[in-house]
Amino acid sequence: MAKCQFYRTEMVTARGHAAHSGRREPPPQRTLAGWCAHEFSPVDRIKAVTVVGGAKMLACGGDLAKCPIADKL
């Protein structure tokens, strides 16, 4: 597997919310968000960190064989 020079990761913490007042708030969930620093990337840092499910939007995982923008590198 060839590693992509543009692939970055960041730990994202999503706060849980109590469904009803008086209930305990669930613990926060931490996920590793992968994003691409390339200017033509479909998933930039903002999308990966702020969009619900954004941490899983970039399917390549830094593998150049699975890169959605390989023709632009």
PDB file of N, CA and C in Angstrom:
ATOM      1  N   MET A   1       0.840  -1.180   0.000  1.00  0.00           N
ATOM      2  CA  MET A   1       0.000   0.000   0.000  1.00  0.00           C
ATOM      3  C   MET A   1       0.884   1.241   0.000  1.00  0.00           C
ATOM      4  N   ALA A   2       0.720   2.069  -1.002  1.00  0.00           N
ATOM      5  CA  ALA A   2       1.447   3.327  -1.067  1.00  0.00           C
ATOM      6  C   ALA A   2       0.681   4.382  -0.279  1.00  0.00           C
ATOM      7  N   LYS A   3       1.367   5.076   0.627  1.00  0.00           N
ATOM      8  CA  LYS A   3       0.730   6.089   1.456  1.00  0.00           C
ATOM      9  C   LYS A   3       0.631   7.410   0.710  1.00  0.00           C
ATOM     10  N   CYS A   4      -0.493   8.078   0.875  1.00  0.00           N
ATOM     11  CA  CYS A   4      -0.732   9.376   0.241  1.00  0.00           C
ATOM     12  C   CYS A   4      -0.105  10.485   1.091  1.00  0.00           C
ATOM     13  N   GLN A   5       0.542  11.413   0.454  1.00  0.00           N
ATOM     14  CA  GLN A   5       1.176  12.520   1.171  1.00  0.00           C
ATOM     15  C   GLN A   5       0.164  13.571   1.638  1.00  0.00           C
ATOM     16  N   PHE A   6      -1.073  13.529   1.134  1.00  0.00           N
ATOM     17  CA  PHE A   6      -2.090  14.508   1.490  1.00  0.00           C
ATOM     18  C   PHE A   6      -3.045  14.018   2.584  1.00  0.00           C
ATOM     19  N   TYR A   7      -3.016  12.735   2.915  1.00  0.00           N
ATOM     20  CA  TYR A   7      -3.952  12.167   3.889  1.00  0.00           C
ATOM     21  C   TYR A   7      -3.581  12.592   5.300  1.00  0.00           C
ATOM     22  N   ARG A   8      -4.569  13.098   6.034  1.00  0.00           N
ATOM     23  CA  ARG A   8      -4.378  13.532   7.415  1.00  0.00           C
ATOM     24  C   ARG A   8      -5.480  12.922   8.290  1.00  0.00           C
ATOM     25  N   THR A   9      -5.210  12.799   9.568  1.00  0.00           N
ATOM     26  CA  THR A   9      -6.226  12.331  10.515  1.00  0.00           C
ATOM     27  C   THR A   9      -6.278  13.280  11.697  1.00  0.00           C
ATOM     28  N   GLU A  10      -7.443  13.284  12.330  1.00  0.00           N
ATOM     29  CA  GLU A  10      -7.645  14.127  13.499  1.00  0.00           C
ATOM     30  C   GLU A  10      -8.674  13.449  14.400  1.00  0.00           C
ATOM     31  N   MET A  11      -8.439  13.488  15.697  1.00  0.00           N
ATOM     32  CA  MET A  11      -9.374  12.905  16.654  1.00  0.00           C
ATOM     33  C   MET A  11     -10.513  13.904  16.882  1.00  0.00           C
ATOM     34  N   VAL A  12     -11.757  13.422  16.715  1.00  0.00           N
ATOM     35  CA  VAL A  12     -12.943  14.266  16.859  1.00  0.00           C
ATOM     36  C   VAL A  12     -13.765  13.728  18.023  1.00  0.00           C
ATOM     37  N   THR A  13     -14.198  14.622  18.893  1.00  0.00           N
ATOM     38  CA  THR A  13     -15.025  14.242  20.028  1.00  0.00           C
ATOM     39  C   THR A  13     -16.437  14.766  19.808  1.00  0.00           C
ATOM     40  N   ALA A  14     -17.415  13.856  19.780  1.00  0.00           N
ATOM     41  CA  ALA A  14     -18.822  14.229  19.619  1.00  0.00           C
ATOM     42  C   ALA A  14     -19.500  14.076  20.969  1.00  0.00           C
ATOM     43  N   ARG A  15     -20.112  15.156  21.408  1.00  0.00           N
ATOM     44  CA  ARG A  15     -20.768  15.153  22.713  1.00  0.00           C
ATOM     45  C   ARG A  15     -22.121  14.477  22.612  1.00  0.00           C
ATOM     46  N   GLY A  16     -22.445  13.623  23.563  1.00  0.00           N
ATOM     47  CA  GLY A  16     -23.749  12.985  23.611  1.00  0.00           C
ATOM     48  C   GLY A  16     -24.772  13.948  24.193  1.00  0.00           C
ATOM     49  N   HIS A  17     -26.030  13.769  23.869  1.00  0.00           N
ATOM     50  CA  HIS A  17     -27.088  14.642  24.374  1.00  0.00           C
ATOM     51  C   HIS A  17     -28.136  13.809  25.096  1.00  0.00           C
ATOM     52  N   ALA A  18     -28.596  14.317  26.221  1.00  0.00           N
ATOM     53  CA  ALA A  18     -29.649  13.636  26.963  1.00  0.00           C
ATOM     54  C   ALA A  18     -30.966  13.819  26.220  1.00  0.00           C
ATOM     55  N   ALA A  19     -31.735  12.749  26.080  1.00  0.00           N
ATOM     56  CA  ALA A  19     -32.998  12.796  25.360  1.00  0.00           C
ATOM     57  C   ALA A  19     -34.078  13.526  26.163  1.00  0.00           C
ATOM     58  N   HIS A  20     -34.047  13.405  27.481  1.00  0.00           N
ATOM     59  CA  HIS A  20     -35.036  14.036  28.350  1.00  0.00           C
ATOM     60  C   HIS A  20     -34.320  14.723  29.501  1.00  0.00           C
ATOM     61  N   SER A  21     -34.926  15.764  30.022  1.00  0.00           N
ATOM     62  CA  SER A  21     -34.316  16.410  31.181  1.00  0.00           C
ATOM     63  C   SER A  21     -34.364  15.429  32.355  1.00  0.00           C
ATOM     64  N   GLY A  22     -33.367  15.446  33.167  1.00  0.00           N
ATOM     65  CA  GLY A  22     -33.276  14.525  34.277  1.00  0.00           C
ATOM     66  C   GLY A  22     -32.502  13.257  33.961  1.00  0.00           C
ATOM     67  N   ARG A  23     -32.314  12.974  32.682  1.00  0.00           N
ATOM     68  CA  ARG A  23     -31.524  11.799  32.302  1.00  0.00           C
ATOM     69  C   ARG A  23     -30.062  12.180  32.249  1.00  0.00           C
ATOM     70  N   ARG A  24     -29.239  11.200  32.495  1.00  0.00           N
ATOM     71  CA  ARG A  24     -27.803  11.438  32.400  1.00  0.00           C
ATOM     72  C   ARG A  24     -27.388  11.522  30.940  1.00  0.00           C
ATOM     73  N   GLU A  25     -26.469  12.407  30.691  1.00  0.00           N
ATOM     74  CA  GLU A  25     -25.947  12.550  29.333  1.00  0.00           C
ATOM     75  C   GLU A  25     -24.988  11.405  29.048  1.00  0.00           C
ATOM     76  N   PRO A  26     -25.123  10.763  27.877  1.00  0.00           N
ATOM     77  CA  PRO A  26     -24.180   9.685  27.545  1.00  0.00           C
ATOM     78  C   PRO A  26     -22.755  10.236  27.400  1.00  0.00           C
ATOM     79  N   PRO A  27     -21.755   9.395  27.576  1.00  0.00           N
ATOM     80  CA  PRO A  27     -20.377   9.868  27.457  1.00  0.00           C
ATOM     81  C   PRO A  27     -20.063  10.296  26.021  1.00  0.00           C
ATOM     82  N   PRO A  28     -19.133  11.205  25.865  1.00  0.00           N
ATOM     83  CA  PRO A  28     -18.755  11.635  24.510  1.00  0.00           C
ATOM     84  C   PRO A  28     -18.124  10.491  23.727  1.00  0.00           C
ATOM     85  N   GLN A  29     -18.304  10.522  22.406  1.00  0.00           N
ATOM     86  CA  GLN A  29     -17.717   9.506  21.537  1.00  0.00           C
ATOM     87  C   GLN A  29     -16.562  10.116  20.765  1.00  0.00           C
ATOM     88  N   ARG A  30     -15.456   9.398  20.741  1.00  0.00           N
ATOM     89  CA  ARG A  30     -14.276   9.869  20.009  1.00  0.00           C
ATOM     90  C   ARG A  30     -14.092   9.007  18.771  1.00  0.00           C
ATOM     91  N   THR A  31     -13.898   9.657  17.634  1.00  0.00           N
ATOM     92  CA  THR A  31     -13.636   8.944  16.389  1.00  0.00           C
ATOM     93  C   THR A  31     -12.446   9.594  15.681  1.00  0.00           C
ATOM     94  N   LEU A  32     -11.795   8.820  14.869  1.00  0.00           N
ATOM     95  CA  LEU A  32     -10.666   9.318  14.090  1.00  0.00           C
ATOM     96  C   LEU A  32     -11.187   9.758  12.729  1.00  0.00           C
ATOM     97  N   ALA A  33     -11.097  11.052  12.454  1.00  0.00           N
ATOM     98  CA  ALA A  33     -11.585  11.610  11.192  1.00  0.00           C
ATOM     99  C   ALA A  33     -10.438  11.699  10.192  1.00  0.00           C
ATOM    100  N   GLY A  34     -10.618  11.082   9.020  1.00  0.00           N
ATOM    101  CA  GLY A  34      -9.622  11.153   7.956  1.00  0.00           C
ATOM    102  C   GLY A  34     -10.038  12.198   6.937  1.00  0.00           C
ATOM    103  N   TRP A  35      -9.101  13.004   6.491  1.00  0.00           N
ATOM    104  CA  TRP A  35      -9.382  14.026   5.497  1.00  0.00           C
ATOM    105  C   TRP A  35      -8.173  14.216   4.598  1.00  0.00           C
ATOM    106  N   CYS A  36      -8.383  14.921   3.498  1.00  0.00           N
ATOM    107  CA  CYS A  36      -7.342  15.097   2.486  1.00  0.00           C
ATOM    108  C   CYS A  36      -6.973  16.571   2.366  1.00  0.00           C
ATOM    109  N   ALA A  37      -5.689  16.868   2.368  1.00  0.00           N
ATOM    110  CA  ALA A  37      -5.207  18.244   2.278  1.00  0.00           C
ATOM    111  C   ALA A  37      -5.069  18.737   0.833  1.00  0.00           C
ATOM    112  N   HIS A  38      -5.358  17.902  -0.157  1.00  0.00           N
ATOM    113  CA  HIS A  38      -5.263  18.286  -1.566  1.00  0.00           C
ATOM    114  C   HIS A  38      -6.385  19.261  -1.913  1.00  0.00           C
ATOM    115  N   GLU A  39      -6.133  20.233  -2.784  1.00  0.00           N
ATOM    116  CA  GLU A  39      -7.130  21.254  -3.104  1.00  0.00           C
ATOM    117  C   GLU A  39      -8.364  20.707  -3.828  1.00  0.00           C
ATOM    118  N   PHE A  40      -8.271  19.559  -4.515  1.00  0.00           N
ATOM    119  CA  PHE A  40      -9.411  18.980  -5.233  1.00  0.00           C
ATOM    120  C   PHE A  40     -10.083  17.850  -4.448  1.00  0.00           C
ATOM    121  N   SER A  41      -9.766  17.719  -3.194  1.00  0.00           N
ATOM    122  CA  SER A  41     -10.310  16.637  -2.378  1.00  0.00           C
ATOM    123  C   SER A  41     -11.818  16.786  -2.162  1.00  0.00           C
ATOM    124  N   PRO A  42     -12.564  15.666  -2.217  1.00  0.00           N
ATOM    125  CA  PRO A  42     -13.994  15.728  -1.926  1.00  0.00           C
ATOM    126  C   PRO A  42     -14.279  15.887  -0.428  1.00  0.00           C
ATOM    127  N   VAL A  43     -13.302  15.576   0.430  1.00  0.00           N
ATOM    128  CA  VAL A  43     -13.478  15.691   1.885  1.00  0.00           C
ATOM    129  C   VAL A  43     -12.311  16.497   2.454  1.00  0.00           C
ATOM    130  N   ASP A  44     -12.585  17.753   2.812  1.00  0.00           N
ATOM    131  CA  ASP A  44     -11.559  18.573   3.444  1.00  0.00           C
ATOM    132  C   ASP A  44     -11.695  18.458   4.964  1.00  0.00           C
ATOM    133  N   ARG A  45     -10.859  19.158   5.689  1.00  0.00           N
ATOM    134  CA  ARG A  45     -10.858  19.055   7.145  1.00  0.00           C
ATOM    135  C   ARG A  45     -12.191  19.488   7.743  1.00  0.00           C
ATOM    136  N   ILE A  46     -12.775  20.543   7.233  1.00  0.00           N
ATOM    137  CA  ILE A  46     -14.034  21.059   7.770  1.00  0.00           C
ATOM    138  C   ILE A  46     -15.150  20.018   7.639  1.00  0.00           C
ATOM    139  N   LYS A  47     -15.270  19.395   6.482  1.00  0.00           N
ATOM    140  CA  LYS A  47     -16.289  18.359   6.292  1.00  0.00           C
ATOM    141  C   LYS A  47     -16.050  17.169   7.208  1.00  0.00           C
ATOM    142  N   ALA A  48     -14.818  16.746   7.325  1.00  0.00           N
ATOM    143  CA  ALA A  48     -14.497  15.561   8.130  1.00  0.00           C
ATOM    144  C   ALA A  48     -14.781  15.785   9.605  1.00  0.00           C
ATOM    145  N   VAL A  49     -14.605  17.011  10.079  1.00  0.00           N
ATOM    146  CA  VAL A  49     -14.746  17.297  11.503  1.00  0.00           C
ATOM    147  C   VAL A  49     -16.165  17.730  11.876  1.00  0.00           C
ATOM    148  N   THR A  50     -16.845  18.479  11.016  1.00  0.00           N
ATOM    149  CA  THR A  50     -18.125  19.063  11.411  1.00  0.00           C
ATOM    150  C   THR A  50     -19.358  18.330  10.905  1.00  0.00           C
ATOM    151  N   VAL A  51     -19.286  17.653   9.787  1.00  0.00           N
ATOM    152  CA  VAL A  51     -20.448  16.974   9.217  1.00  0.00           C
ATOM    153  C   VAL A  51     -20.693  15.663   9.958  1.00  0.00           C
ATOM    154  N   VAL A  52     -21.956  15.376  10.256  1.00  0.00           N
ATOM    155  CA  VAL A  52     -22.295  14.109  10.906  1.00  0.00           C
ATOM    156  C   VAL A  52     -21.907  12.974   9.964  1.00  0.00           C
ATOM    157  N   GLY A  53     -21.108  12.060  10.426  1.00  0.00           N
ATOM    158  CA  GLY A  53     -20.608  10.966   9.594  1.00  0.00           C
ATOM    159  C   GLY A  53     -19.429  11.370   8.727  1.00  0.00           C
ATOM    160  N   GLY A  54     -18.953  12.582   8.885  1.00  0.00           N
ATOM    161  CA  GLY A  54     -17.839  13.073   8.073  1.00  0.00           C
ATOM    162  C   GLY A  54     -16.554  12.318   8.291  1.00  0.00           C
ATOM    163  N   ALA A  55     -16.399  11.725   9.460  1.00  0.00           N
ATOM    164  CA  ALA A  55     -15.192  10.972   9.764  1.00  0.00           C
ATOM    165  C   ALA A  55     -15.045   9.752   8.867  1.00  0.00           C
ATOM    166  N   LYS A  56     -16.146   9.280   8.287  1.00  0.00           N
ATOM    167  CA  LYS A  56     -16.112   8.088   7.442  1.00  0.00           C
ATOM    168  C   LYS A  56     -16.330   8.408   5.962  1.00  0.00           C
ATOM    169  N   MET A  57     -16.344   9.680   5.596  1.00  0.00           N
ATOM    170  CA  MET A  57     -16.621  10.075   4.214  1.00  0.00           C
ATOM    171  C   MET A  57     -15.478   9.738   3.256  1.00  0.00           C
ATOM    172  N   LEU A  58     -14.245   9.823   3.708  1.00  0.00           N
ATOM    173  CA  LEU A  58     -13.092   9.565   2.848  1.00  0.00           C
ATOM    174  C   LEU A  58     -12.745   8.086   2.934  1.00  0.00           C
ATOM    175  N   ALA A  59     -13.100   7.344   1.907  1.00  0.00           N
ATOM    176  CA  ALA A  59     -12.986   5.875   1.932  1.00  0.00           C
ATOM    177  C   ALA A  59     -11.580   5.358   1.631  1.00  0.00           C
ATOM    178  N   CYS A  60     -10.694   6.182   1.126  1.00  0.00           N
ATOM    179  CA  CYS A  60      -9.379   5.691   0.720  1.00  0.00           C
ATOM    180  C   CYS A  60      -8.494   5.327   1.903  1.00  0.00           C
ATOM    181  N   GLY A  61      -8.635   6.031   3.018  1.00  0.00           N
ATOM    182  CA  GLY A  61      -7.815   5.746   4.187  1.00  0.00           C
ATOM    183  C   GLY A  61      -6.337   6.011   3.977  1.00  0.00           C
ATOM    184  N   GLY A  62      -5.983   6.839   3.017  1.00  0.00           N
ATOM    185  CA  GLY A  62      -4.586   7.159   2.742  1.00  0.00           C
ATOM    186  C   GLY A  62      -3.910   6.224   1.759  1.00  0.00           C
ATOM    187  N   ASP A  63      -4.660   5.275   1.192  1.00  0.00           N
ATOM    188  CA  ASP A  63      -4.129   4.321   0.220  1.00  0.00           C
ATOM    189  C   ASP A  63      -4.259   4.923  -1.181  1.00  0.00           C
ATOM    190  N   LEU A  64      -3.160   5.095  -1.877  1.00  0.00           N
ATOM    191  CA  LEU A  64      -3.188   5.707  -3.208  1.00  0.00           C
ATOM    192  C   LEU A  64      -3.957   4.884  -4.229  1.00  0.00           C
ATOM    193  N   ALA A  65      -4.033   3.570  -4.040  1.00  0.00           N
ATOM    194  CA  ALA A  65      -4.786   2.716  -4.973  1.00  0.00           C
ATOM    195  C   ALA A  65      -6.287   2.979  -4.905  1.00  0.00           C
ATOM    196  N   LYS A  66      -6.772   3.488  -3.788  1.00  0.00           N
ATOM    197  CA  LYS A  66      -8.203   3.768  -3.610  1.00  0.00           C
ATOM    198  C   LYS A  66      -8.530   5.260  -3.709  1.00  0.00           C
ATOM    199  N   CYS A  67      -7.581   6.076  -4.078  1.00  0.00           N
ATOM    200  CA  CYS A  67      -7.736   7.528  -4.107  1.00  0.00           C
ATOM    201  C   CYS A  67      -8.768   7.977  -5.141  1.00  0.00           C
ATOM    202  N   PRO A  68      -9.782   8.782  -4.715  1.00  0.00           N
ATOM    203  CA  PRO A  68     -10.802   9.257  -5.653  1.00  0.00           C
ATOM    204  C   PRO A  68     -10.300  10.351  -6.601  1.00  0.00           C
ATOM    205  N   ILE A  69      -9.169  10.968  -6.293  1.00  0.00           N
ATOM    206  CA  ILE A  69      -8.632  12.037  -7.150  1.00  0.00           C
ATOM    207  C   ILE A  69      -7.231  11.696  -7.659  1.00  0.00           C
ATOM    208  N   ALA A  70      -6.963  10.421  -7.882  1.00  0.00           N
ATOM    209  CA  ALA A  70      -5.633   9.971  -8.305  1.00  0.00           C
ATOM    210  C   ALA A  70      -5.198  10.621  -9.616  1.00  0.00           C
ATOM    211  N   ASP A  71      -6.143  10.915 -10.487  1.00  0.00           N
ATOM    212  CA  ASP A  71      -5.788  11.526 -11.774  1.00  0.00           C
ATOM    213  C   ASP A  71      -5.317  12.970 -11.619  1.00  0.00           C
ATOM    214  N   LYS A  72      -5.578  13.609 -10.484  1.00  0.00           N
ATOM    215  CA  LYS A  72      -5.194  15.010 -10.268  1.00  0.00           C
ATOM    216  C   LYS A  72      -3.941  15.150  -9.420  1.00  0.00           C
ATOM    217  N   LEU A  73      -3.354  14.027  -9.009  1.00  0.00           N
ATOM    218  CA  LEU A  73      -2.149  14.104  -8.148  1.00  0.00           C
ATOM    219  C   LEU A  73      -0.917  14.321  -8.970  1.00  0.00           C
TER     220      LEU A  73
END
